[in-house]
Amino acid sequence: MFIPEGFLFSAVSCGIKNEGKLDLGLIFSPYKLTSWGCFTKNTVKAAPVILGKRLIREPITKGILVNSGIANACTGKEGIRRAKLLLERVAQRLKVPKDTILPASTGVIGE
């Protein structure tokens, strides 16, 4: 597998899935990147889709945070709030602007 120079990858088990299973991943680049994405046309959109469509318009992307096990769909304003908070905390730890980390989720709808 080709890995672009300078990219960093991380995965942890944060308790979304059964104990010990990797369920949160981060791909990060110290470089200023542009990004693109394909998004659902479904009427019901998960918080990461709503935020991702907004954030992908920013001129710079530094990374993507992906969870597996919770789709964060059908969670309303609370889902948006939680997703934003998580992205802000990750960006803060990485010392990058909060709008440079994109969200992605896959998993059970309604959680």
PDB file of N, CA and C in Angstrom:
ATOM      1  N   MET A   1       0.837  -1.172   0.000  1.00  0.00           N
ATOM      2  CA  MET A   1       0.000   0.000   0.000  1.00  0.00           C
ATOM      3  C   MET A   1       0.887   1.241   0.000  1.00  0.00           C
ATOM      4  N   PHE A   2       0.571   2.184  -0.863  1.00  0.00           N
ATOM      5  CA  PHE A   2       1.316   3.439  -0.930  1.00  0.00           C
ATOM      6  C   PHE A   2       0.819   4.381   0.163  1.00  0.00           C
ATOM      7  N   ILE A   3       1.731   4.877   0.966  1.00  0.00           N
ATOM      8  CA  ILE A   3       1.387   5.848   2.005  1.00  0.00           C
ATOM      9  C   ILE A   3       2.114   7.141   1.686  1.00  0.00           C
ATOM     10  N   PRO A   4       1.373   8.226   1.473  1.00  0.00           N
ATOM     11  CA  PRO A   4       2.010   9.505   1.160  1.00  0.00           C
ATOM     12  C   PRO A   4       2.946   9.947   2.288  1.00  0.00           C
ATOM     13  N   GLU A   5       4.070  10.487   1.913  1.00  0.00           N
ATOM     14  CA  GLU A   5       5.065  10.940   2.878  1.00  0.00           C
ATOM     15  C   GLU A   5       4.462  11.976   3.819  1.00  0.00           C
ATOM     16  N   GLY A   6       4.718  11.804   5.096  1.00  0.00           N
ATOM     17  CA  GLY A   6       4.279  12.765   6.091  1.00  0.00           C
ATOM     18  C   GLY A   6       2.916  12.483   6.706  1.00  0.00           C
ATOM     19  N   PHE A   7       2.123  11.605   6.095  1.00  0.00           N
ATOM     20  CA  PHE A   7       0.808  11.305   6.656  1.00  0.00           C
ATOM     21  C   PHE A   7       0.963  10.454   7.913  1.00  0.00           C
ATOM     22  N   LEU A   8       0.119  10.694   8.880  1.00  0.00           N
ATOM     23  CA  LEU A   8       0.132   9.944  10.128  1.00  0.00           C
ATOM     24  C   LEU A   8      -1.212   9.253  10.311  1.00  0.00           C
ATOM     25  N   PHE A   9      -1.184   8.042  10.838  1.00  0.00           N
ATOM     26  CA  PHE A   9      -2.387   7.248  11.028  1.00  0.00           C
ATOM     27  C   PHE A   9      -2.444   6.773  12.470  1.00  0.00           C
ATOM     28  N   SER A  10      -3.643   6.733  13.009  1.00  0.00           N
ATOM     29  CA  SER A  10      -3.818   6.258  14.374  1.00  0.00           C
ATOM     30  C   SER A  10      -5.177   5.586  14.499  1.00  0.00           C
ATOM     31  N   ALA A  11      -5.259   4.565  15.332  1.00  0.00           N
ATOM     32  CA  ALA A  11      -6.533   3.912  15.622  1.00  0.00           C
ATOM     33  C   ALA A  11      -6.520   3.458  17.072  1.00  0.00           C
ATOM     34  N   VAL A  12      -7.666   3.593  17.726  1.00  0.00           N
ATOM     35  CA  VAL A  12      -7.777   3.199  19.124  1.00  0.00           C
ATOM     36  C   VAL A  12      -9.113   2.504  19.359  1.00  0.00           C
ATOM     37  N   SER A  13      -9.180   1.829  20.475  1.00  0.00           N
ATOM     38  CA  SER A  13     -10.443   1.285  20.960  1.00  0.00           C
ATOM     39  C   SER A  13     -10.937   2.249  22.025  1.00  0.00           C
ATOM     40  N   CYS A  14     -12.037   2.945  21.735  1.00  0.00           N
ATOM     41  CA  CYS A  14     -12.546   3.927  22.706  1.00  0.00           C
ATOM     42  C   CYS A  14     -13.870   3.487  23.326  1.00  0.00           C
ATOM     43  N   GLY A  15     -14.251   2.226  23.115  1.00  0.00           N
ATOM     44  CA  GLY A  15     -15.421   1.687  23.784  1.00  0.00           C
ATOM     45  C   GLY A  15     -16.715   1.713  22.996  1.00  0.00           C
ATOM     46  N   ILE A  16     -16.671   2.117  21.741  1.00  0.00           N
ATOM     47  CA  ILE A  16     -17.884   2.092  20.921  1.00  0.00           C
ATOM     48  C   ILE A  16     -18.255   0.644  20.610  1.00  0.00           C
ATOM     49  N   LYS A  17     -17.269  -0.115  20.175  1.00  0.00           N
ATOM     50  CA  LYS A  17     -17.481  -1.535  19.866  1.00  0.00           C
ATOM     51  C   LYS A  17     -17.063  -2.377  21.067  1.00  0.00           C
ATOM     52  N   ASN A  18     -17.151  -3.688  20.904  1.00  0.00           N
ATOM     53  CA  ASN A  18     -16.729  -4.582  21.975  1.00  0.00           C
ATOM     54  C   ASN A  18     -15.303  -4.278  22.394  1.00  0.00           C
ATOM     55  N   GLU A  19     -15.023  -4.557  23.637  1.00  0.00           N
ATOM     56  CA  GLU A  19     -13.724  -4.253  24.219  1.00  0.00           C
ATOM     57  C   GLU A  19     -12.563  -4.740  23.352  1.00  0.00           C
ATOM     58  N   GLY A  20     -11.635  -3.853  23.127  1.00  0.00           N
ATOM     59  CA  GLY A  20     -10.431  -4.192  22.387  1.00  0.00           C
ATOM     60  C   GLY A  20     -10.505  -4.008  20.890  1.00  0.00           C
ATOM     61  N   LYS A  21     -11.698  -3.796  20.340  1.00  0.00           N
ATOM     62  CA  LYS A  21     -11.817  -3.600  18.888  1.00  0.00           C
ATOM     63  C   LYS A  21     -11.566  -2.142  18.544  1.00  0.00           C
ATOM     64  N   LEU A  22     -10.781  -1.929  17.495  1.00  0.00           N
ATOM     65  CA  LEU A  22     -10.499  -0.566  17.053  1.00  0.00           C
ATOM     66  C   LEU A  22     -11.788   0.069  16.521  1.00  0.00           C
ATOM     67  N   ASP A  23     -12.130   1.240  17.048  1.00  0.00           N
ATOM     68  CA  ASP A  23     -13.381   1.874  16.639  1.00  0.00           C
ATOM     69  C   ASP A  23     -13.265   3.380  16.407  1.00  0.00           C
ATOM     70  N   LEU A  24     -12.076   3.926  16.522  1.00  0.00           N
ATOM     71  CA  LEU A  24     -11.868   5.343  16.243  1.00  0.00           C
ATOM     72  C   LEU A  24     -10.523   5.502  15.539  1.00  0.00           C
ATOM     73  N   GLY A  25     -10.553   6.119  14.369  1.00  0.00           N
ATOM     74  CA  GLY A  25      -9.329   6.277  13.588  1.00  0.00           C
ATOM     75  C   GLY A  25      -9.113   7.719  13.173  1.00  0.00           C
ATOM     76  N   LEU A  26      -7.860   8.062  12.990  1.00  0.00           N
ATOM     77  CA  LEU A  26      -7.490   9.406  12.564  1.00  0.00           C
ATOM     78  C   LEU A  26      -6.438   9.303  11.468  1.00  0.00           C
ATOM     79  N   ILE A  27      -6.656  10.032  10.398  1.00  0.00           N
ATOM     80  CA  ILE A  27      -5.643  10.215   9.358  1.00  0.00           C
ATOM     81  C   ILE A  27      -5.310  11.693   9.396  1.00  0.00           C
ATOM     82  N   PHE A  28      -4.028  12.012   9.525  1.00  0.00           N
ATOM     83  CA  PHE A  28      -3.603  13.398   9.696  1.00  0.00           C
ATOM     84  C   PHE A  28      -2.419  13.708   8.792  1.00  0.00           C
ATOM     85  N   SER A  29      -2.394  14.919   8.305  1.00  0.00           N
ATOM     86  CA  SER A  29      -1.267  15.393   7.504  1.00  0.00           C
ATOM     87  C   SER A  29      -0.807  16.743   8.034  1.00  0.00           C
ATOM     88  N   PRO A  30       0.497  16.932   8.161  1.00  0.00           N
ATOM     89  CA  PRO A  30       0.995  18.244   8.569  1.00  0.00           C
ATOM     90  C   PRO A  30       0.911  19.264   7.433  1.00  0.00           C
ATOM     91  N   TYR A  31       0.614  18.784   6.234  1.00  0.00           N
ATOM     92  CA  TYR A  31       0.544  19.663   5.066  1.00  0.00           C
ATOM     93  C   TYR A  31      -0.846  20.267   4.920  1.00  0.00           C
ATOM     94  N   LYS A  32      -0.922  21.366   4.216  1.00  0.00           N
ATOM     95  CA  LYS A  32      -2.202  21.991   3.893  1.00  0.00           C
ATOM     96  C   LYS A  32      -2.755  21.291   2.660  1.00  0.00           C
ATOM     97  N   LEU A  33      -3.831  20.554   2.839  1.00  0.00           N
ATOM     98  CA  LEU A  33      -4.409  19.760   1.759  1.00  0.00           C
ATOM     99  C   LEU A  33      -5.751  20.328   1.317  1.00  0.00           C
ATOM    100  N   THR A  34      -6.113  20.011   0.102  1.00  0.00           N
ATOM    101  CA  THR A  34      -7.483  20.246  -0.344  1.00  0.00           C
ATOM    102  C   THR A  34      -8.178  18.892  -0.334  1.00  0.00           C
ATOM    103  N   SER A  35      -9.478  18.904  -0.241  1.00  0.00           N
ATOM    104  CA  SER A  35     -10.197  17.634  -0.183  1.00  0.00           C
ATOM    105  C   SER A  35     -11.482  17.710  -0.987  1.00  0.00           C
ATOM    106  N   TRP A  36     -12.040  16.556  -1.251  1.00  0.00           N
ATOM    107  CA  TRP A  36     -13.324  16.451  -1.945  1.00  0.00           C
ATOM    108  C   TRP A  36     -14.068  15.278  -1.330  1.00  0.00           C
ATOM    109  N   GLY A  37     -15.347  15.202  -1.588  1.00  0.00           N
ATOM    110  CA  GLY A  37     -16.111  14.109  -1.014  1.00  0.00           C
ATOM    111  C   GLY A  37     -17.376  13.824  -1.786  1.00  0.00           C
ATOM    112  N   CYS A  38     -17.903  12.647  -1.566  1.00  0.00           N
ATOM    113  CA  CYS A  38     -19.202  12.240  -2.114  1.00  0.00           C
ATOM    114  C   CYS A  38     -20.128  12.059  -0.922  1.00  0.00           C
ATOM    115  N   PHE A  39     -21.284  12.667  -0.987  1.00  0.00           N
ATOM    116  CA  PHE A  39     -22.205  12.627   0.136  1.00  0.00           C
ATOM    117  C   PHE A  39     -23.554  12.073  -0.299  1.00  0.00           C
ATOM    118  N   THR A  40     -24.256  11.486   0.648  1.00  0.00           N
ATOM    119  CA  THR A  40     -25.575  10.926   0.375  1.00  0.00           C
ATOM    120  C   THR A  40     -26.555  12.004  -0.093  1.00  0.00           C
ATOM    121  N   LYS A  41     -27.503  11.591  -0.895  1.00  0.00           N
ATOM    122  CA  LYS A  41     -28.589  12.485  -1.303  1.00  0.00           C
ATOM    123  C   LYS A  41     -29.842  12.183  -0.481  1.00  0.00           C
ATOM    124  N   ASN A  42     -29.716  11.261   0.454  1.00  0.00           N
ATOM    125  CA  ASN A  42     -30.825  10.883   1.311  1.00  0.00           C
ATOM    126  C   ASN A  42     -31.333  12.106   2.073  1.00  0.00           C
ATOM    127  N   THR A  43     -32.630  12.171   2.306  1.00  0.00           N
ATOM    128  CA  THR A  43     -33.218  13.275   3.065  1.00  0.00           C
ATOM    129  C   THR A  43     -32.699  13.287   4.496  1.00  0.00           C
ATOM    130  N   VAL A  44     -32.565  12.112   5.090  1.00  0.00           N
ATOM    131  CA  VAL A  44     -32.053  11.992   6.452  1.00  0.00           C
ATOM    132  C   VAL A  44     -30.540  11.856   6.381  1.00  0.00           C
ATOM    133  N   LYS A  45     -29.843  12.827   6.966  1.00  0.00           N
ATOM    134  CA  LYS A  45     -28.379  12.829   6.925  1.00  0.00           C
ATOM    135  C   LYS A  45     -27.825  12.795   8.347  1.00  0.00           C
ATOM    136  N   ALA A  46     -26.792  11.996   8.541  1.00  0.00           N
ATOM    137  CA  ALA A  46     -26.124  11.920   9.834  1.00  0.00           C
ATOM    138  C   ALA A  46     -25.324  13.189  10.087  1.00  0.00           C
ATOM    139  N   ALA A  47     -25.059  13.457  11.361  1.00  0.00           N
ATOM    140  CA  ALA A  47     -24.294  14.647  11.744  1.00  0.00           C
ATOM    141  C   ALA A  47     -22.961  14.752  10.999  1.00  0.00           C
ATOM    142  N   PRO A  48     -22.188  13.662  10.850  1.00  0.00           N
ATOM    143  CA  PRO A  48     -20.929  13.784  10.114  1.00  0.00           C
ATOM    144  C   PRO A  48     -21.121  14.184   8.651  1.00  0.00           C
ATOM    145  N   VAL A  49     -22.230  13.788   8.053  1.00  0.00           N
ATOM    146  CA  VAL A  49     -22.505  14.179   6.666  1.00  0.00           C
ATOM    147  C   VAL A  49     -22.808  15.673   6.609  1.00  0.00           C
ATOM    148  N   ILE A  50     -23.654  16.140   7.510  1.00  0.00           N
ATOM    149  CA  ILE A  50     -24.006  17.564   7.547  1.00  0.00           C
ATOM    150  C   ILE A  50     -22.765  18.411   7.785  1.00  0.00           C
ATOM    151  N   LEU A  51     -21.975  18.044   8.787  1.00  0.00           N
ATOM    152  CA  LEU A  51     -20.754  18.803   9.088  1.00  0.00           C
ATOM    153  C   LEU A  51     -19.717  18.649   7.984  1.00  0.00           C
ATOM    154  N   GLY A  52     -19.566  17.442   7.468  1.00  0.00           N
ATOM    155  CA  GLY A  52     -18.579  17.194   6.414  1.00  0.00           C
ATOM    156  C   GLY A  52     -18.844  18.022   5.173  1.00  0.00           C
ATOM    157  N   LYS A  53     -20.113  18.123   4.773  1.00  0.00           N
ATOM    158  CA  LYS A  53     -20.459  18.931   3.595  1.00  0.00           C
ATOM    159  C   LYS A  53     -20.097  20.396   3.816  1.00  0.00           C
ATOM    160  N   ARG A  54     -20.241  20.846   5.046  1.00  0.00           N
ATOM    161  CA  ARG A  54     -19.899  22.227   5.391  1.00  0.00           C
ATOM    162  C   ARG A  54     -18.373  22.419   5.422  1.00  0.00           C
ATOM    163  N   LEU A  55     -17.686  21.525   6.112  1.00  0.00           N
ATOM    164  CA  LEU A  55     -16.245  21.669   6.331  1.00  0.00           C
ATOM    165  C   LEU A  55     -15.418  21.426   5.075  1.00  0.00           C
ATOM    166  N   ILE A  56     -15.904  20.607   4.177  1.00  0.00           N
ATOM    167  CA  ILE A  56     -15.126  20.287   2.975  1.00  0.00           C
ATOM    168  C   ILE A  56     -14.970  21.508   2.070  1.00  0.00           C
ATOM    169  N   ARG A  57     -15.797  22.512   2.288  1.00  0.00           N
ATOM    170  CA  ARG A  57     -15.692  23.761   1.518  1.00  0.00           C
ATOM    171  C   ARG A  57     -14.535  24.638   1.991  1.00  0.00           C
ATOM    172  N   GLU A  58     -14.003  24.341   3.175  1.00  0.00           N
ATOM    173  CA  GLU A  58     -12.873  25.114   3.700  1.00  0.00           C
ATOM    174  C   GLU A  58     -11.663  24.906   2.790  1.00  0.00           C
ATOM    175  N   PRO A  59     -10.805  25.920   2.678  1.00  0.00           N
ATOM    176  CA  PRO A  59      -9.671  25.811   1.753  1.00  0.00           C
ATOM    177  C   PRO A  59      -8.594  24.811   2.181  1.00  0.00           C
ATOM    178  N   ILE A  60      -8.560  24.476   3.464  1.00  0.00           N
ATOM    179  CA  ILE A  60      -7.505  23.583   3.965  1.00  0.00           C
ATOM    180  C   ILE A  60      -8.120  22.441   4.767  1.00  0.00           C
ATOM    181  N   THR A  61      -7.626  21.232   4.517  1.00  0.00           N
ATOM    182  CA  THR A  61      -7.975  20.053   5.309  1.00  0.00           C
ATOM    183  C   THR A  61      -6.680  19.488   5.872  1.00  0.00           C
ATOM    184  N   LYS A  62      -6.708  19.096   7.147  1.00  0.00           N
ATOM    185  CA  LYS A  62      -5.527  18.506   7.778  1.00  0.00           C
ATOM    186  C   LYS A  62      -5.742  17.038   8.139  1.00  0.00           C
ATOM    187  N   GLY A  63      -7.007  16.617   8.245  1.00  0.00           N
ATOM    188  CA  GLY A  63      -7.233  15.234   8.620  1.00  0.00           C
ATOM    189  C   GLY A  63      -8.690  14.846   8.611  1.00  0.00           C
ATOM    190  N   ILE A  64      -8.910  13.566   8.927  1.00  0.00           N
ATOM    191  CA  ILE A  64     -10.271  13.033   9.025  1.00  0.00           C
ATOM    192  C   ILE A  64     -10.337  12.112  10.236  1.00  0.00           C
ATOM    193  N   LEU A  65     -11.387  12.283  11.022  1.00  0.00           N
ATOM    194  CA  LEU A  65     -11.627  11.468  12.200  1.00  0.00           C
ATOM    195  C   LEU A  65     -12.809  10.556  11.893  1.00  0.00           C
ATOM    196  N   VAL A  66     -12.612   9.253  12.044  1.00  0.00           N
ATOM    197  CA  VAL A  66     -13.631   8.271  11.665  1.00  0.00           C
ATOM    198  C   VAL A  66     -13.973   7.385  12.855  1.00  0.00           C
ATOM    199  N   ASN A  67     -15.269   7.270  13.161  1.00  0.00           N
ATOM    200  CA  ASN A  67     -15.660   6.284  14.166  1.00  0.00           C
ATOM    201  C   ASN A  67     -16.415   5.161  13.475  1.00  0.00           C
ATOM    202  N   SER A  68     -16.339   3.990  14.080  1.00  0.00           N
ATOM    203  CA  SER A  68     -17.009   2.812  13.539  1.00  0.00           C
ATOM    204  C   SER A  68     -17.829   2.185  14.657  1.00  0.00           C
ATOM    205  N   GLY A  69     -19.119   2.094  14.433  1.00  0.00           N
ATOM    206  CA  GLY A  69     -19.978   1.483  15.431  1.00  0.00           C
ATOM    207  C   GLY A  69     -21.162   2.349  15.804  1.00  0.00           C
ATOM    208  N   ILE A  70     -21.060   3.649  15.564  1.00  0.00           N
ATOM    209  CA  ILE A  70     -22.154   4.586  15.824  1.00  0.00           C
ATOM    210  C   ILE A  70     -22.274   5.483  14.604  1.00  0.00           C
ATOM    211  N   ALA A  71     -23.392   5.402  13.907  1.00  0.00           N
ATOM    212  CA  ALA A  71     -23.560   6.185  12.676  1.00  0.00           C
ATOM    213  C   ALA A  71     -23.751   7.672  12.952  1.00  0.00           C
ATOM    214  N   ASN A  72     -24.215   8.012  14.163  1.00  0.00           N
ATOM    215  CA  ASN A  72     -24.518   9.401  14.513  1.00  0.00           C
ATOM    216  C   ASN A  72     -25.576   9.958  13.560  1.00  0.00           C
ATOM    217  N   ALA A  73     -26.513   9.099  13.161  1.00  0.00           N
ATOM    218  CA  ALA A  73     -27.630   9.503  12.296  1.00  0.00           C
ATOM    219  C   ALA A  73     -28.906   9.542  13.130  1.00  0.00           C
ATOM    220  N   CYS A  74     -29.809  10.412  12.759  1.00  0.00           N
ATOM    221  CA  CYS A  74     -31.087  10.580  13.468  1.00  0.00           C
ATOM    222  C   CYS A  74     -30.863  11.009  14.917  1.00  0.00           C
ATOM    223  N   THR A  75     -29.827  11.797  15.153  1.00  0.00           N
ATOM    224  CA  THR A  75     -29.501  12.263  16.504  1.00  0.00           C
ATOM    225  C   THR A  75     -29.782  13.752  16.680  1.00  0.00           C
ATOM    226  N   GLY A  76     -30.224  14.423  15.616  1.00  0.00           N
ATOM    227  CA  GLY A  76     -30.639  15.823  15.698  1.00  0.00           C
ATOM    228  C   GLY A  76     -29.544  16.788  16.110  1.00  0.00           C
ATOM    229  N   LYS A  77     -29.975  17.868  16.769  1.00  0.00           N
ATOM    230  CA  LYS A  77     -29.044  18.925  17.176  1.00  0.00           C
ATOM    231  C   LYS A  77     -27.989  18.411  18.149  1.00  0.00           C
ATOM    232  N   GLU A  78     -28.375  17.460  18.992  1.00  0.00           N
ATOM    233  CA  GLU A  78     -27.420  16.898  19.952  1.00  0.00           C
ATOM    234  C   GLU A  78     -26.294  16.153  19.230  1.00  0.00           C
ATOM    235  N   GLY A  79     -26.623  15.439  18.173  1.00  0.00           N
ATOM    236  CA  GLY A  79     -25.599  14.750  17.387  1.00  0.00           C
ATOM    237  C   GLY A  79     -24.633  15.722  16.735  1.00  0.00           C
ATOM    238  N   ILE A  80     -25.158  16.822  16.210  1.00  0.00           N
ATOM    239  CA  ILE A  80     -24.307  17.867  15.617  1.00  0.00           C
ATOM    240  C   ILE A  80     -23.399  18.458  16.689  1.00  0.00           C
ATOM    241  N   ARG A  81     -23.974  18.766  17.856  1.00  0.00           N
ATOM    242  CA  ARG A  81     -23.197  19.363  18.947  1.00  0.00           C
ATOM    243  C   ARG A  81     -22.056  18.438  19.376  1.00  0.00           C
ATOM    244  N   ARG A  82     -22.362  17.165  19.541  1.00  0.00           N
ATOM    245  CA  ARG A  82     -21.338  16.208  19.981  1.00  0.00           C
ATOM    246  C   ARG A  82     -20.248  16.020  18.925  1.00  0.00           C
ATOM    247  N   ALA A  83     -20.649  15.932  17.674  1.00  0.00           N
ATOM    248  CA  ALA A  83     -19.665  15.774  16.595  1.00  0.00           C
ATOM    249  C   ALA A  83     -18.754  16.996  16.522  1.00  0.00           C
ATOM    250  N   LYS A  84     -19.328  18.192  16.628  1.00  0.00           N
ATOM    251  CA  LYS A  84     -18.521  19.421  16.610  1.00  0.00           C
ATOM    252  C   LYS A  84     -17.539  19.444  17.773  1.00  0.00           C
ATOM    253  N   LEU A  85     -18.023  19.081  18.954  1.00  0.00           N
ATOM    254  CA  LEU A  85     -17.173  19.077  20.142  1.00  0.00           C
ATOM    255  C   LEU A  85     -16.000  18.116  19.974  1.00  0.00           C
ATOM    256  N   LEU A  86     -16.266  16.937  19.467  1.00  0.00           N
ATOM    257  CA  LEU A  86     -15.202  15.957  19.251  1.00  0.00           C
ATOM    258  C   LEU A  86     -14.171  16.473  18.249  1.00  0.00           C
ATOM    259  N   LEU A  87     -14.641  17.047  17.144  1.00  0.00           N
ATOM    260  CA  LEU A  87     -13.723  17.599  16.138  1.00  0.00           C
ATOM    261  C   LEU A  87     -12.896  18.738  16.720  1.00  0.00           C
ATOM    262  N   GLU A  88     -13.528  19.597  17.519  1.00  0.00           N
ATOM    263  CA  GLU A  88     -12.807  20.714  18.140  1.00  0.00           C
ATOM    264  C   GLU A  88     -11.719  20.212  19.077  1.00  0.00           C
ATOM    265  N   ARG A  89     -12.033  19.189  19.862  1.00  0.00           N
ATOM    266  CA  ARG A  89     -11.039  18.649  20.806  1.00  0.00           C
ATOM    267  C   ARG A  89      -9.870  17.995  20.078  1.00  0.00           C
ATOM    268  N   VAL A  90     -10.156  17.268  19.029  1.00  0.00           N
ATOM    269  CA  VAL A  90      -9.086  16.642  18.247  1.00  0.00           C
ATOM    270  C   VAL A  90      -8.212  17.721  17.610  1.00  0.00           C
ATOM    271  N   ALA A  91      -8.836  18.719  17.009  1.00  0.00           N
ATOM    272  CA  ALA A  91      -8.079  19.811  16.379  1.00  0.00           C
ATOM    273  C   ALA A  91      -7.217  20.534  17.408  1.00  0.00           C
ATOM    274  N   GLN A  92      -7.762  20.745  18.589  1.00  0.00           N
ATOM    275  CA  GLN A  92      -7.011  21.414  19.651  1.00  0.00           C
ATOM    276  C   GLN A  92      -5.771  20.606  20.025  1.00  0.00           C
ATOM    277  N   ARG A  93      -5.930  19.294  20.172  1.00  0.00           N
ATOM    278  CA  ARG A  93      -4.790  18.431  20.525  1.00  0.00           C
ATOM    279  C   ARG A  93      -3.732  18.410  19.422  1.00  0.00           C
ATOM    280  N   LEU A  94      -4.193  18.505  18.175  1.00  0.00           N
ATOM    281  CA  LEU A  94      -3.272  18.500  17.033  1.00  0.00           C
ATOM    282  C   LEU A  94      -2.709  19.888  16.740  1.00  0.00           C
ATOM    283  N   LYS A  95      -3.250  20.888  17.451  1.00  0.00           N
ATOM    284  CA  LYS A  95      -2.816  22.284  17.267  1.00  0.00           C
ATOM    285  C   LYS A  95      -3.056  22.769  15.835  1.00  0.00           C
ATOM    286  N   VAL A  96      -4.263  22.480  15.346  1.00  0.00           N
ATOM    287  CA  VAL A  96      -4.673  22.928  14.013  1.00  0.00           C
ATOM    288  C   VAL A  96      -6.032  23.621  14.141  1.00  0.00           C
ATOM    289  N   PRO A  97      -6.396  24.451  13.168  1.00  0.00           N
ATOM    290  CA  PRO A  97      -7.718  25.087  13.217  1.00  0.00           C
ATOM    291  C   PRO A  97      -8.837  24.045  13.242  1.00  0.00           C
ATOM    292  N   LYS A  98      -9.890  24.337  14.008  1.00  0.00           N
ATOM    293  CA  LYS A  98     -10.971  23.358  14.201  1.00  0.00           C
ATOM    294  C   LYS A  98     -11.695  22.982  12.916  1.00  0.00           C
ATOM    295  N   ASP A  99     -11.689  23.845  11.929  1.00  0.00           N
ATOM    296  CA  ASP A  99     -12.393  23.560  10.678  1.00  0.00           C
ATOM    297  C   ASP A  99     -11.562  22.761   9.682  1.00  0.00           C
ATOM    298  N   THR A 100     -10.414  22.225  10.113  1.00  0.00           N
ATOM    299  CA  THR A 100      -9.551  21.478   9.192  1.00  0.00           C
ATOM    300  C   THR A 100      -9.616  19.959   9.391  1.00  0.00           C
ATOM    301  N   ILE A 101     -10.419  19.502  10.346  1.00  0.00           N
ATOM    302  CA  ILE A 101     -10.591  18.070  10.578  1.00  0.00           C
ATOM    303  C   ILE A 101     -12.002  17.686  10.137  1.00  0.00           C
ATOM    304  N   LEU A 102     -12.100  16.708   9.248  1.00  0.00           N
ATOM    305  CA  LEU A 102     -13.391  16.257   8.730  1.00  0.00           C
ATOM    306  C   LEU A 102     -13.903  15.066   9.542  1.00  0.00           C
ATOM    307  N   PRO A 103     -15.227  14.921   9.669  1.00  0.00           N
ATOM    308  CA  PRO A 103     -15.799  13.786  10.385  1.00  0.00           C
ATOM    309  C   PRO A 103     -16.293  12.688   9.447  1.00  0.00           C
ATOM    310  N   ALA A 104     -16.306  11.469   9.946  1.00  0.00           N
ATOM    311  CA  ALA A 104     -16.930  10.356   9.229  1.00  0.00           C
ATOM    312  C   ALA A 104     -17.371   9.325  10.264  1.00  0.00           C
ATOM    313  N   SER A 105     -18.496   8.692  10.024  1.00  0.00           N
ATOM    314  CA  SER A 105     -19.023   7.676  10.941  1.00  0.00           C
ATOM    315  C   SER A 105     -19.674   6.555  10.154  1.00  0.00           C
ATOM    316  N   THR A 106     -19.650   5.381  10.745  1.00  0.00           N
ATOM    317  CA  THR A 106     -20.388   4.255  10.197  1.00  0.00           C
ATOM    318  C   THR A 106     -20.862   3.406  11.363  1.00  0.00           C
ATOM    319  N   GLY A 107     -22.060   2.897  11.267  1.00  0.00           N
ATOM    320  CA  GLY A 107     -22.549   2.069  12.353  1.00  0.00           C
ATOM    321  C   GLY A 107     -24.046   2.104  12.491  1.00  0.00           C
ATOM    322  N   VAL A 108     -24.519   1.858  13.706  1.00  0.00           N
ATOM    323  CA  VAL A 108     -25.939   1.749  14.002  1.00  0.00           C
ATOM    324  C   VAL A 108     -26.602   3.119  13.925  1.00  0.00           C
ATOM    325  N   ILE A 109     -27.697   3.212  13.177  1.00  0.00           N
ATOM    326  CA  ILE A 109     -28.436   4.469  13.044  1.00  0.00           C
ATOM    327  C   ILE A 109     -29.246   4.714  14.312  1.00  0.00           C
ATOM    328  N   GLY A 110     -29.224   5.965  14.771  1.00  0.00           N
ATOM    329  CA  GLY A 110     -29.975   6.350  15.958  1.00  0.00           C
ATOM    330  C   GLY A 110     -29.155   6.327  17.230  1.00  0.00           C
ATOM    331  N   GLU A 111     -27.870   6.040  17.107  1.00  0.00           N
ATOM    332  CA  GLU A 111     -26.974   6.040  18.273  1.00  0.00           C
ATOM    333  C   GLU A 111     -25.844   7.008  18.055  1.00  0.00           C
TER     334      GLU A 111
END
